[in-house]
Amino acid sequence: MWVVALYLGFIVTGFLIGSKIAPKGKEIKYIDKIFAVLVFFVIFLMGTIIGSDEKVISSIGSIGLIAFILTIFAMTGSLLAVTLLRKLLKMDRRGIRHE
């Protein structure tokens, strides 16, 4: 439960910094680096929490297989959708329309 509170705390802190503290119309230097560090920190926390869960660790093989299957289906569906849309819109591989 404390993880949800931590995530919400990050969201509220970011909102307050962005709306109240940050100067209006002025670019904040190094904001991209700050965001990268914070994203890595959140990913690290999520990995630590997931890695400490015995149920997840004991079923990691089936989770990996399901993730692999979902990835294959998502890629195949995307390729089919793009191919069908190109045919419907009469476009070549470069996106140029041929009437």
C-alpha atoms as a PDB file:
ATOM      1  CA  MET A   1       0.000   0.000   0.000  1.00  0.00           C
ATOM      2  CA  TRP A   2       2.887   2.337   0.715  1.00  0.00           C
ATOM      3  CA  VAL A   3       3.977   2.006  -2.913  1.00  0.00           C
ATOM      4  CA  VAL A   4       0.712   3.509  -4.135  1.00  0.00           C
ATOM      5  CA  ALA A   5       1.184   6.377  -1.681  1.00  0.00           C
ATOM      6  CA  LEU A   6       4.743   6.836  -2.972  1.00  0.00           C
ATOM      7  CA  TYR A   7       3.571   6.973  -6.597  1.00  0.00           C
ATOM      8  CA  LEU A   8       0.816   9.422  -5.731  1.00  0.00           C
ATOM      9  CA  GLY A   9       3.354  11.492  -3.819  1.00  0.00           C
ATOM     10  CA  PHE A  10       5.544  11.655  -6.935  1.00  0.00           C
ATOM     11  CA  ILE A  11       2.563  12.752  -8.995  1.00  0.00           C
ATOM     12  CA  VAL A  12       1.514  15.467  -6.542  1.00  0.00           C
ATOM     13  CA  THR A  13       5.101  16.691  -6.144  1.00  0.00           C
ATOM     14  CA  GLY A  14       5.540  16.910  -9.895  1.00  0.00           C
ATOM     15  CA  PHE A  15       2.273  18.767 -10.241  1.00  0.00           C
ATOM     16  CA  LEU A  16       3.218  21.269  -7.561  1.00  0.00           C
ATOM     17  CA  ILE A  17       6.655  21.867  -9.034  1.00  0.00           C
ATOM     18  CA  GLY A  18       5.244  22.270 -12.522  1.00  0.00           C
ATOM     19  CA  SER A  19       2.306  24.496 -11.645  1.00  0.00           C
ATOM     20  CA  LYS A  20       3.331  26.535  -8.611  1.00  0.00           C
ATOM     21  CA  ILE A  21       7.088  26.629  -8.201  1.00  0.00           C
ATOM     22  CA  ALA A  22       8.376  26.618 -11.782  1.00  0.00           C
ATOM     23  CA  PRO A  23       8.605  30.032 -13.448  1.00  0.00           C
ATOM     24  CA  LYS A  24       5.934  30.614 -16.082  1.00  0.00           C
ATOM     25  CA  GLY A  25       7.078  30.704 -19.693  1.00  0.00           C
ATOM     26  CA  LYS A  26      10.668  29.923 -18.781  1.00  0.00           C
ATOM     27  CA  GLU A  27      12.375  26.666 -19.662  1.00  0.00           C
ATOM     28  CA  ILE A  28      13.667  24.682 -16.693  1.00  0.00           C
ATOM     29  CA  LYS A  29      17.257  23.625 -17.303  1.00  0.00           C
ATOM     30  CA  TYR A  30      18.124  19.942 -16.978  1.00  0.00           C
ATOM     31  CA  ILE A  31      14.465  18.903 -16.629  1.00  0.00           C
ATOM     32  CA  ASP A  32      14.973  16.001 -19.019  1.00  0.00           C
ATOM     33  CA  LYS A  33      17.781  14.629 -16.850  1.00  0.00           C
ATOM     34  CA  ILE A  34      15.683  15.006 -13.718  1.00  0.00           C
ATOM     35  CA  PHE A  35      12.801  13.146 -15.388  1.00  0.00           C
ATOM     36  CA  ALA A  36      15.144  10.376 -16.524  1.00  0.00           C
ATOM     37  CA  VAL A  37      16.495   9.893 -12.997  1.00  0.00           C
ATOM     38  CA  LEU A  38      12.990   9.843 -11.536  1.00  0.00           C
ATOM     39  CA  VAL A  39      11.738   7.356 -14.143  1.00  0.00           C
ATOM     40  CA  PHE A  40      14.714   5.073 -13.459  1.00  0.00           C
ATOM     41  CA  PHE A  41      14.014   5.355  -9.734  1.00  0.00           C
ATOM     42  CA  VAL A  42      10.355   4.382 -10.178  1.00  0.00           C
ATOM     43  CA  ILE A  43      11.323   1.468 -12.455  1.00  0.00           C
ATOM     44  CA  PHE A  44      13.888   0.344  -9.858  1.00  0.00           C
ATOM     45  CA  LEU A  45      11.242   0.461  -7.121  1.00  0.00           C
ATOM     46  CA  MET A  46       8.778  -1.512  -9.234  1.00  0.00           C
ATOM     47  CA  GLY A  47      11.442  -4.129 -10.015  1.00  0.00           C
ATOM     48  CA  THR A  48      12.373  -4.425  -6.367  1.00  0.00           C
ATOM     49  CA  ILE A  49       8.772  -4.884  -5.305  1.00  0.00           C
ATOM     50  CA  ILE A  50       8.008  -7.400  -8.054  1.00  0.00           C
ATOM     51  CA  GLY A  51      11.256  -9.271  -7.396  1.00  0.00           C
ATOM     52  CA  SER A  52      10.476  -9.651  -3.709  1.00  0.00           C
ATOM     53  CA  ASP A  53       7.078 -11.254  -4.396  1.00  0.00           C
ATOM     54  CA  GLU A  54       7.413 -15.043  -4.107  1.00  0.00           C
ATOM     55  CA  LYS A  55       4.318 -15.717  -6.228  1.00  0.00           C
ATOM     56  CA  VAL A  56       5.756 -13.736  -9.118  1.00  0.00           C
ATOM     57  CA  ILE A  57       9.181 -15.359  -8.854  1.00  0.00           C
ATOM     58  CA  SER A  58       7.735 -18.883  -8.721  1.00  0.00           C
ATOM     59  CA  SER A  59       5.679 -18.286 -11.875  1.00  0.00           C
ATOM     60  CA  ILE A  60       8.274 -16.306 -13.844  1.00  0.00           C
ATOM     61  CA  GLY A  61       8.451 -18.984 -16.571  1.00  0.00           C
ATOM     62  CA  SER A  62       4.759 -18.854 -17.377  1.00  0.00           C
ATOM     63  CA  ILE A  63       4.747 -15.055 -17.162  1.00  0.00           C
ATOM     64  CA  GLY A  64       7.591 -14.936 -19.689  1.00  0.00           C
ATOM     65  CA  LEU A  65       5.817 -17.321 -22.035  1.00  0.00           C
ATOM     66  CA  ILE A  66       2.587 -15.317 -21.861  1.00  0.00           C
ATOM     67  CA  ALA A  67       4.494 -12.070 -22.465  1.00  0.00           C
ATOM     68  CA  PHE A  68       6.227 -13.625 -25.481  1.00  0.00           C
ATOM     69  CA  ILE A  69       2.939 -14.855 -26.953  1.00  0.00           C
ATOM     70  CA  LEU A  70       1.262 -11.466 -26.401  1.00  0.00           C
ATOM     71  CA  THR A  71       4.203  -9.732 -28.085  1.00  0.00           C
ATOM     72  CA  ILE A  72       3.985 -11.997 -31.138  1.00  0.00           C
ATOM     73  CA  PHE A  73       0.228 -11.438 -31.461  1.00  0.00           C
ATOM     74  CA  ALA A  74       0.588  -7.649 -31.013  1.00  0.00           C
ATOM     75  CA  MET A  75       3.293  -7.444 -33.680  1.00  0.00           C
ATOM     76  CA  THR A  76       1.355  -9.647 -36.089  1.00  0.00           C
ATOM     77  CA  GLY A  77      -1.851  -7.679 -35.570  1.00  0.00           C
ATOM     78  CA  SER A  78      -0.047  -4.386 -36.104  1.00  0.00           C
ATOM     79  CA  LEU A  79       1.551  -5.597 -39.321  1.00  0.00           C
ATOM     80  CA  LEU A  80      -1.771  -6.880 -40.627  1.00  0.00           C
ATOM     81  CA  ALA A  81      -3.544  -3.640 -39.741  1.00  0.00           C
ATOM     82  CA  VAL A  82      -0.909  -1.522 -41.489  1.00  0.00           C
ATOM     83  CA  THR A  83      -0.983  -3.749 -44.564  1.00  0.00           C
ATOM     84  CA  LEU A  84      -4.773  -3.618 -44.790  1.00  0.00           C
ATOM     85  CA  LEU A  85      -4.868   0.157 -44.257  1.00  0.00           C
ATOM     86  CA  ARG A  86      -2.276   0.705 -46.966  1.00  0.00           C
ATOM     87  CA  LYS A  87      -4.320  -1.387 -49.373  1.00  0.00           C
ATOM     88  CA  LEU A  88      -7.529   0.441 -48.466  1.00  0.00           C
ATOM     89  CA  LEU A  89      -5.879   3.847 -48.829  1.00  0.00           C
ATOM     90  CA  LYS A  90      -3.998   2.729 -51.953  1.00  0.00           C
ATOM     91  CA  MET A  91      -0.574   3.578 -50.550  1.00  0.00           C
ATOM     92  CA  ASP A  92       2.777   2.000 -51.303  1.00  0.00           C
ATOM     93  CA  ARG A  93       5.412   1.108 -48.703  1.00  0.00           C
ATOM     94  CA  ARG A  94       6.596   4.705 -48.554  1.00  0.00           C
ATOM     95  CA  GLY A  95       3.130   6.070 -47.842  1.00  0.00           C
ATOM     96  CA  ILE A  96       2.657   7.598 -51.262  1.00  0.00           C
ATOM     97  CA  ARG A  97      -0.914   7.405 -52.552  1.00  0.00           C
ATOM     98  CA  HIS A  98      -1.524   5.958 -55.982  1.00  0.00           C
ATOM     99  CA  GLU A  99      -4.976   6.656 -57.342  1.00  0.00           C
END
